[in-house]
């Protein structure tokens, strides 16, 4: 396997839950060495966010939750009590040998251990220090805790998600966490490029709330340019028509018409080719203004055939359409199988047997993602990290353990 693009870089990972761990997992997939630092005896809170939990060789639940496993591949776990003087000093010794520090403590939370940005910046001028918080390092909300659900509500996405006559709904995956993790990753890569050019590290301040506002994109711009606070459209689109979920004779499919050529093809398929020339449907703007009338025509027509018939017909006509898959159907899909989106890695909790993981979606021709480790058990790699990185001997490590430092 080709070396990852970030091979040779080391990450000191002080994150838990999802935004931070999703960031450091991406860095790990791209080849960085990730040291996941966890509190002795407790670890990342998401280790307990189940069921489901991974089964051991006897078919019994382990302490490894599916949630934790999904965001902590390609990391080694070190238990370290940074609240103790000895633990904080050991952390600084490890940070001295790292390129990147990622943390998601509350604002100022690491300062009391001497591990804040201002505590480290002069001693480690090449360090890239990435903080991920709910609301950022400053501003009236800076001291507040932030979780995905509340950020989806505060950040506007819930106001545009759900049926028009229903209640505001969150997205079904923790998208605010994941996008903050993605922005953090991109920022770290940019900071690495800057360091390559100048030799200087820097502070990165990533917030879930900023990230949520930042990816409002078309909905946010609809307001800024058109002064439109979009209502909920259910599965419909605020700018494009037709674009919705449509019932067939035996299920439901999605149809997206992105241009006039596709609309004409759709009209031909439902046996109404002249609709495409009517003034009320002549372009997307007109179709959007008259979407209710258009739906009254499309829905009964689409209901006459099965999902399979429509999907085949629409694919042949180059009109975008797809099924609404369950998670089980996703992992049975031939495209998912062909692209290798399900992988298997050995896991210590399963006795070294391979267990399934979701693959990285990144495709790089020369430096593709690699999979070196499954998610770690709590403190699984403490001894080997301290031996490899700090050259500690067995007696020193045992002393740290006896004092509760690791």
Protein backbone atom coordinates (compact mmCIF):
# COMPACT_ATOMS: atom_id res chain seq x y z
CA UNK A 1 0.00 0.00 0.00
CA UNK A 2 1.21 3.49 -0.86
CA UNK A 3 2.32 5.69 2.02
CA UNK A 4 -0.35 8.10 3.21
CA UNK A 5 0.07 11.75 2.35
CA UNK A 6 0.41 12.64 6.05
CA UNK A 7 2.83 9.86 6.96
CA UNK A 8 5.50 11.16 9.34
CA UNK A 9 3.16 13.58 11.10
CA UNK A 10 2.05 12.92 14.66
CA UNK A 11 -1.23 14.11 16.21
CA UNK A 12 -1.83 14.60 19.94
CA UNK A 13 -5.57 13.96 20.07
CA UNK A 14 -7.36 15.41 23.11
CA UNK A 15 -10.84 15.07 21.59
CA UNK A 16 -13.92 13.06 22.40
CA UNK A 17 -17.53 12.63 21.26
CA UNK A 18 -17.65 13.24 17.46
CA UNK A 19 -16.53 16.57 15.95
CA UNK A 20 -12.91 16.21 17.10
CA UNK A 21 -12.63 12.44 16.66
CA UNK A 22 -14.04 12.64 13.12
CA UNK A 23 -11.30 15.16 12.30
CA UNK A 24 -8.48 13.08 13.74
CA UNK A 25 -9.80 9.92 12.09
CA UNK A 26 -9.48 11.61 8.71
CA UNK A 27 -5.91 12.62 9.56
CA UNK A 28 -5.21 9.02 10.61
CA UNK A 29 -6.73 7.64 7.40
CA UNK A 30 -4.39 9.92 5.45
CA UNK A 31 -1.36 8.47 7.19
CA UNK A 32 -0.79 10.58 10.31
CA UNK A 33 0.05 8.85 13.56
CA UNK A 34 -2.76 9.68 15.98
CA UNK A 35 -2.29 9.35 19.76
CA UNK A 36 -5.76 9.41 21.29
CA UNK A 37 -5.40 10.64 24.87
CA UNK A 38 -8.16 9.43 27.20
CA UNK A 39 -8.94 9.76 30.87
CA UNK A 40 -7.86 6.65 32.82
CA UNK A 41 -10.79 4.42 33.75
CA UNK A 42 -13.32 6.40 31.73
CA UNK A 43 -12.16 7.32 28.28
CA UNK A 44 -14.17 8.94 25.51
CA UNK A 45 -17.84 9.30 26.55
CA UNK A 46 -18.99 7.69 23.31
CA UNK A 47 -17.47 4.37 24.35
CA UNK A 48 -20.68 3.96 26.34
CA UNK A 49 -23.06 5.35 23.71
CA UNK A 50 -24.79 2.11 22.87
CA UNK A 51 -26.23 -0.35 22.18
CA UNK A 52 -25.14 -1.72 19.85
CA UNK A 53 -21.78 -2.83 21.22
CA UNK A 54 -19.15 -4.98 19.55
CA UNK A 55 -19.48 -8.66 20.43
CA UNK A 56 -16.55 -10.61 21.83
CA UNK A 57 -15.52 -14.12 20.74
CA UNK A 58 -18.26 -15.60 22.93
CA UNK A 59 -20.95 -13.39 21.43
CA UNK A 60 -21.23 -11.18 24.51
CA UNK A 61 -21.32 -7.39 24.47
CA UNK A 62 -17.97 -5.68 25.00
CA UNK A 63 -17.49 -2.08 26.15
CA UNK A 64 -16.81 -0.97 22.55
CA UNK A 65 -19.84 0.90 21.15
CA UNK A 66 -20.54 1.10 17.43
CA UNK A 67 -20.70 4.88 17.84
CA UNK A 68 -17.16 5.08 19.22
CA UNK A 69 -15.81 2.64 16.64
CA UNK A 70 -17.17 4.76 13.79
CA UNK A 71 -14.98 7.78 14.59
CA UNK A 72 -11.81 6.31 16.07
CA UNK A 73 -10.17 4.11 13.47
CA UNK A 74 -6.44 4.49 12.82
CA UNK A 75 -5.67 5.72 16.34
CA UNK A 76 -3.77 4.39 19.30
CA UNK A 77 -5.20 4.96 22.78
CA UNK A 78 -3.08 6.33 25.63
CA UNK A 79 -4.70 6.77 29.04
CA UNK A 80 -3.23 9.84 30.72
CA UNK A 81 -4.42 11.89 33.67
CA UNK A 82 -3.60 15.40 32.45
CA UNK A 83 -5.22 16.83 35.60
CA UNK A 84 -2.23 15.63 37.65
CA UNK A 85 1.05 17.50 37.60
CA UNK A 86 2.89 14.40 36.45
CA UNK A 87 0.33 13.73 33.73
CA UNK A 88 0.42 17.30 32.45
CA UNK A 89 4.23 17.21 32.36
CA UNK A 90 4.13 13.93 30.46
CA UNK A 91 1.64 15.44 28.03
CA UNK A 92 4.05 18.31 27.32
CA UNK A 93 6.85 15.85 26.63
CA UNK A 94 4.63 14.07 24.13
CA UNK A 95 3.43 17.32 22.55
CA UNK A 96 7.08 18.24 21.97
CA UNK A 97 7.22 15.28 19.60
CA UNK A 98 3.93 16.03 17.85
CA UNK A 99 3.06 18.24 14.90
CA UNK A 100 -0.62 18.78 15.57
CA UNK A 101 -2.72 19.06 18.72
CA UNK A 102 -6.51 18.77 18.41
CA UNK A 103 -8.74 19.41 21.44
CA UNK A 104 -12.39 20.05 22.16
CA UNK A 105 -12.34 21.12 25.79
CA UNK A 106 -14.49 24.05 26.87
CA UNK A 107 -12.89 27.44 26.27
CA UNK A 108 -9.95 27.78 28.66
CA UNK A 109 -10.37 24.21 29.86
CA UNK A 110 -6.79 23.17 29.13
CA UNK A 111 -5.20 26.31 30.55
CA UNK A 112 -5.55 25.03 34.11
CA UNK A 113 -3.30 22.12 33.17
CA UNK A 114 -0.75 24.33 31.44
CA UNK A 115 -1.79 22.91 28.06
CA UNK A 116 -3.58 25.89 26.54
CA UNK A 117 -2.44 27.60 23.35
CA UNK A 118 -0.83 30.47 25.21
CA UNK A 119 0.99 27.99 27.46
CA UNK A 120 2.52 26.13 24.52
CA UNK A 121 2.94 28.55 21.63
CA UNK A 122 6.38 29.92 22.54
CA UNK A 123 7.85 26.59 23.59
CA UNK A 124 6.52 24.78 20.51
CA UNK A 125 6.43 27.38 17.70
CA UNK A 126 5.85 24.75 14.99
CA UNK A 127 2.81 23.26 16.72
CA UNK A 128 -0.54 23.43 14.94
CA UNK A 129 -3.07 23.77 17.74
CA UNK A 130 -6.69 23.15 16.72
CA UNK A 131 -9.51 23.88 19.16
CA UNK A 132 -13.04 22.70 18.37
CA UNK A 133 -15.83 24.11 20.56
CA UNK A 134 -19.54 24.77 20.38
CA UNK A 135 -19.27 28.51 19.78
CA UNK A 136 -15.61 29.45 19.37
CA UNK A 137 -13.02 31.04 21.60
CA UNK A 138 -14.75 34.42 21.90
CA UNK A 139 -18.15 36.06 21.66
CA UNK A 140 -21.19 36.10 23.97
CA UNK A 141 -21.74 32.33 23.71
CA UNK A 142 -18.10 31.25 24.04
CA UNK A 143 -18.51 29.72 27.49
CA UNK A 144 -21.52 27.60 26.52
CA UNK A 145 -21.36 23.89 25.85
CA UNK A 146 -22.43 22.89 22.36
CA UNK A 147 -23.90 19.62 21.10
CA UNK A 148 -24.98 18.75 17.59
CA UNK A 149 -28.74 18.74 18.21
CA UNK A 150 -28.83 22.18 19.81
CA UNK A 151 -26.48 23.58 17.14
CA UNK A 152 -28.74 22.27 14.37
CA UNK A 153 -31.58 24.16 16.03
CA UNK A 154 -29.66 27.38 16.72
CA UNK A 155 -27.86 27.32 13.37
CA UNK A 156 -30.95 27.29 11.18
CA UNK A 157 -30.89 23.83 9.64
CA UNK A 158 -33.86 22.58 11.66
CA UNK A 159 -35.97 25.52 10.51
CA UNK A 160 -35.70 24.31 6.92
CA UNK A 161 -35.91 20.56 7.62
CA UNK A 162 -39.21 18.69 7.95
CA UNK A 163 -42.66 18.77 6.42
CA UNK A 164 -44.23 22.18 5.78
CA UNK A 165 -47.02 21.59 8.29
CA UNK A 166 -44.87 19.58 10.73
CA UNK A 167 -42.40 20.44 13.45
CA UNK A 168 -38.79 21.48 12.72
CA UNK A 169 -36.62 18.37 12.41
CA UNK A 170 -32.94 17.65 12.86
CA UNK A 171 -30.93 15.88 10.19
CA UNK A 172 -30.75 12.16 10.95
CA UNK A 173 -26.98 12.11 11.39
CA UNK A 174 -24.99 14.56 13.58
CA UNK A 175 -24.16 16.77 10.64
CA UNK A 176 -23.06 19.84 12.65
CA UNK A 177 -20.45 17.73 14.45
CA UNK A 178 -19.27 16.13 11.23
CA UNK A 179 -19.00 19.36 9.28
CA UNK A 180 -17.08 21.02 12.12
CA UNK A 181 -14.72 18.04 12.02
CA UNK A 182 -14.38 18.44 8.26
CA UNK A 183 -13.65 22.18 8.50
CA UNK A 184 -11.12 21.44 11.23
CA UNK A 185 -9.40 18.91 8.98
CA UNK A 186 -9.23 21.32 6.06
CA UNK A 187 -7.89 24.05 8.36
CA UNK A 188 -5.19 21.73 9.69
CA UNK A 189 -4.09 20.85 6.17
CA UNK A 190 -3.93 24.56 5.28
CA UNK A 191 -1.89 25.23 8.44
CA UNK A 192 0.50 22.44 7.50
CA UNK A 193 1.03 24.07 4.12
CA UNK A 194 1.69 27.40 5.84
CA UNK A 195 4.18 25.73 8.17
CA UNK A 196 5.92 24.11 5.21
CA UNK A 197 6.43 27.60 3.77
CA UNK A 198 7.27 29.55 6.93
CA UNK A 199 8.16 27.06 9.66
CA UNK A 200 5.45 28.52 11.90
CA UNK A 201 2.55 26.76 13.57
CA UNK A 202 -0.69 28.52 14.41
CA UNK A 203 -3.94 28.41 16.40
CA UNK A 204 -7.10 27.14 14.71
CA UNK A 205 -10.43 28.15 16.24
CA UNK A 206 -13.26 25.97 14.87
CA UNK A 207 -16.79 26.11 16.24
CA UNK A 208 -19.82 23.96 15.55
CA UNK A 209 -22.00 27.07 15.38
CA UNK A 210 -19.75 28.86 12.85
CA UNK A 211 -19.56 25.67 10.80
CA UNK A 212 -23.34 25.29 10.79
CA UNK A 213 -23.85 28.89 9.66
CA UNK A 214 -21.07 28.48 7.10
CA UNK A 215 -22.73 25.56 5.34
CA UNK A 216 -26.20 27.09 5.09
CA UNK A 217 -25.05 27.88 1.54
CA UNK A 218 -28.09 28.19 -0.77
CA UNK A 219 -30.56 28.63 2.08
CA UNK A 220 -28.43 31.29 3.72
CA UNK A 221 -27.83 33.07 0.43
CA UNK A 222 -31.55 32.97 -0.38
CA UNK A 223 -32.00 35.12 2.71
CA UNK A 224 -29.00 37.42 2.19
CA UNK A 225 -29.80 38.13 -1.47
CA UNK A 226 -33.56 37.67 -1.62
CA UNK A 227 -34.51 38.45 2.00
CA UNK A 228 -36.25 35.06 2.02
CA UNK A 229 -36.39 33.00 5.20
CA UNK A 230 -37.24 29.70 3.59
CA UNK A 231 -40.11 27.66 5.01
CA UNK A 232 -39.80 23.92 5.36
CA UNK A 233 -40.35 22.15 2.04
CA UNK A 234 -40.29 18.55 3.25
CA UNK A 235 -38.43 16.66 0.55
CA UNK A 236 -38.91 19.50 -1.91
CA UNK A 237 -36.18 21.94 -2.90
CA UNK A 238 -36.24 25.69 -2.14
CA UNK A 239 -34.87 26.59 -5.57
CA UNK A 240 -35.43 23.70 -8.00
CA UNK A 241 -38.58 22.05 -9.38
CA UNK A 242 -39.45 19.31 -9.82
CA UNK A 243 -37.22 17.94 -7.07
CA UNK A 244 -39.00 15.79 -4.52
CA UNK A 245 -39.90 12.32 -3.31
CA UNK A 246 -42.68 10.72 -5.34
CA UNK A 247 -44.85 7.73 -4.54
CA UNK A 248 -44.85 4.95 -7.11
CA UNK A 249 -47.25 2.00 -7.25
CA UNK A 250 -45.13 0.08 -4.76
CA UNK A 251 -42.87 2.55 -2.93
CA UNK A 252 -41.24 5.97 -3.08
CA UNK A 253 -38.41 7.34 -5.22
CA UNK A 254 -36.59 10.66 -5.53
CA UNK A 255 -36.55 12.64 -8.77
CA UNK A 256 -34.34 15.67 -9.43
CA UNK A 257 -34.78 17.71 -12.61
CA UNK A 258 -31.84 20.05 -12.96
CA UNK A 259 -32.43 21.56 -16.40
CA UNK A 260 -34.94 21.99 -19.21
CA UNK A 261 -33.67 19.00 -21.19
CA UNK A 262 -34.27 16.70 -18.24
CA UNK A 263 -37.73 18.19 -17.72
CA UNK A 264 -38.64 17.57 -21.33
CA UNK A 265 -37.53 13.96 -20.98
CA UNK A 266 -39.66 13.56 -17.85
CA UNK A 267 -42.68 15.01 -19.63
CA UNK A 268 -42.22 12.50 -22.43
CA UNK A 269 -42.01 9.63 -19.95
CA UNK A 270 -45.33 10.55 -18.32
CA UNK A 271 -46.96 10.92 -21.74
CA UNK A 272 -47.28 14.73 -21.60
CA UNK A 273 -44.51 16.00 -23.93
CA UNK A 274 -46.19 19.36 -24.57
CA UNK A 275 -45.97 20.32 -20.90
CA UNK A 276 -42.36 21.30 -21.47
CA UNK A 277 -43.46 24.07 -23.84
CA UNK A 278 -46.12 25.57 -21.61
CA UNK A 279 -45.24 29.03 -20.30
CA UNK A 280 -45.93 28.02 -16.69
CA UNK A 281 -43.29 25.26 -16.93
CA UNK A 282 -40.94 26.68 -19.57
CA UNK A 283 -37.93 27.05 -17.23
CA UNK A 284 -36.95 26.30 -13.67
CA UNK A 285 -38.10 29.68 -12.36
CA UNK A 286 -41.57 29.13 -13.81
CA UNK A 287 -41.70 25.54 -12.66
CA UNK A 288 -40.76 26.62 -9.16
CA UNK A 289 -43.42 29.34 -9.09
CA UNK A 290 -46.02 26.83 -10.29
CA UNK A 291 -44.72 23.82 -8.41
CA UNK A 292 -48.10 22.96 -6.86
CA UNK A 293 -49.73 22.73 -10.30
CA UNK A 294 -46.79 20.71 -11.59
CA UNK A 295 -47.01 18.31 -8.66
CA UNK A 296 -50.72 17.79 -9.33
CA UNK A 297 -49.73 16.49 -12.76
CA UNK A 298 -46.63 14.50 -11.83
CA UNK A 299 -47.77 12.64 -8.74
CA UNK A 300 -50.68 10.68 -10.21
CA UNK A 301 -48.64 9.90 -13.33
CA UNK A 302 -45.71 8.53 -11.35
CA UNK A 303 -48.07 6.50 -9.14
CA UNK A 304 -49.02 4.37 -12.16
CA UNK A 305 -45.72 2.46 -12.39
CA UNK A 306 -43.51 0.62 -9.92
CA UNK A 307 -40.32 2.05 -8.46
CA UNK A 308 -38.18 -0.34 -10.51
CA UNK A 309 -39.93 0.62 -13.74
CA UNK A 310 -39.48 4.31 -13.07
CA UNK A 311 -35.86 4.02 -12.01
CA UNK A 312 -34.99 2.15 -15.19
CA UNK A 313 -36.92 4.56 -17.40
CA UNK A 314 -35.48 7.66 -15.75
CA UNK A 315 -31.93 6.31 -15.87
CA UNK A 316 -32.26 5.62 -19.61
CA UNK A 317 -33.63 9.15 -20.11
CA UNK A 318 -30.73 10.69 -18.14
CA UNK A 319 -33.05 12.09 -15.48
CA UNK A 320 -31.62 11.87 -11.97
CA UNK A 321 -33.63 9.54 -9.76
CA UNK A 322 -32.97 7.04 -7.03
CA UNK A 323 -34.50 4.78 -4.42
CA UNK A 324 -34.81 5.73 -0.76
CA UNK A 325 -32.57 3.08 0.72
CA UNK A 326 -32.48 1.85 4.27
CA UNK A 327 -29.04 1.54 5.87
CA UNK A 328 -29.22 -2.23 5.26
CA UNK A 329 -29.96 -1.63 1.58
CA UNK A 330 -27.05 0.80 1.33
CA UNK A 331 -24.54 -1.85 2.37
CA UNK A 332 -26.10 -4.34 -0.05
CA UNK A 333 -25.90 -1.88 -2.96
CA UNK A 334 -23.56 -3.00 -5.79
CA UNK A 335 -22.09 0.49 -6.18
CA UNK A 336 -21.18 0.56 -2.48
CA UNK A 337 -19.58 -2.87 -2.82
CA UNK A 338 -17.70 -1.90 -5.99
CA UNK A 339 -16.31 1.26 -4.36
CA UNK A 340 -15.17 -0.67 -1.30
CA UNK A 341 -17.13 1.40 1.19
CA UNK A 342 -17.28 -1.47 3.68
CA UNK A 343 -13.99 -2.71 5.06
CA UNK A 344 -12.92 -5.08 7.82
CA UNK A 345 -10.18 -4.60 10.41
CA UNK A 346 -9.02 -6.74 13.33
CA UNK A 347 -10.19 -5.66 16.77
CA UNK A 348 -8.71 -6.71 20.11
CA UNK A 349 -12.13 -6.87 21.78
CA UNK A 350 -13.18 -9.49 19.24
CA UNK A 351 -10.11 -11.57 19.94
CA UNK A 352 -8.28 -10.16 16.94
CA UNK A 353 -11.03 -11.17 14.52
CA UNK A 354 -11.93 -8.75 11.75
CA UNK A 355 -14.96 -6.54 12.32
CA UNK A 356 -16.70 -4.21 9.82
CA UNK A 357 -16.00 -0.49 9.43
CA UNK A 358 -17.15 2.17 6.98
CA UNK A 359 -14.36 3.09 4.58
CA UNK A 360 -13.12 6.59 3.90
CA UNK A 361 -14.76 8.17 0.84
CA UNK A 362 -11.52 9.91 -0.18
CA UNK A 363 -9.94 8.68 -3.40
CA UNK A 364 -6.33 9.73 -4.08
CA UNK A 365 -4.45 8.08 -6.92
CA UNK A 366 -0.99 8.25 -5.32
CA UNK A 367 -1.61 8.52 -1.57
CA UNK A 368 -4.92 6.79 -0.82
CA UNK A 369 -6.26 6.39 2.71
CA UNK A 370 -4.86 3.43 4.59
CA UNK A 371 -6.29 1.31 7.38
CA UNK A 372 -3.72 0.33 9.98
CA UNK A 373 -5.83 -0.06 13.11
CA UNK A 374 -9.40 -0.65 14.10
CA UNK A 375 -10.72 1.54 16.90
CA UNK A 376 -8.57 1.12 20.04
CA UNK A 377 -9.64 -0.27 23.37
CA UNK A 378 -9.17 2.12 26.28
CA UNK A 379 -5.45 2.46 26.99
CA UNK A 380 -4.62 -0.37 24.61
CA UNK A 381 -1.45 1.28 23.36
CA UNK A 382 -0.27 3.20 26.43
CA UNK A 383 2.88 1.17 26.97
CA UNK A 384 3.99 1.05 23.35
CA UNK A 385 3.40 4.79 22.82
CA UNK A 386 5.49 5.69 25.87
CA UNK A 387 8.23 3.29 24.78
CA UNK A 388 8.30 4.45 21.17
CA UNK A 389 7.78 8.19 21.56
CA UNK A 390 9.48 8.92 24.90
CA UNK A 391 11.79 5.89 25.18
CA UNK A 392 10.50 5.04 28.67
CA UNK A 393 11.46 1.66 30.07
CA UNK A 394 9.16 -0.89 31.69
CA UNK A 395 9.93 0.26 35.23
CA UNK A 396 9.14 3.89 34.43
CA UNK A 397 5.88 2.92 32.78
CA UNK A 398 4.88 0.71 35.69
CA UNK A 399 5.59 3.56 38.08
CA UNK A 400 3.30 5.88 36.10
CA UNK A 401 0.59 3.25 36.21
CA UNK A 402 0.99 2.63 39.93
CA UNK A 403 0.57 6.36 40.61
CA UNK A 404 -2.57 6.55 38.43
CA UNK A 405 -0.94 8.85 35.87
CA UNK A 406 -1.66 6.40 33.06
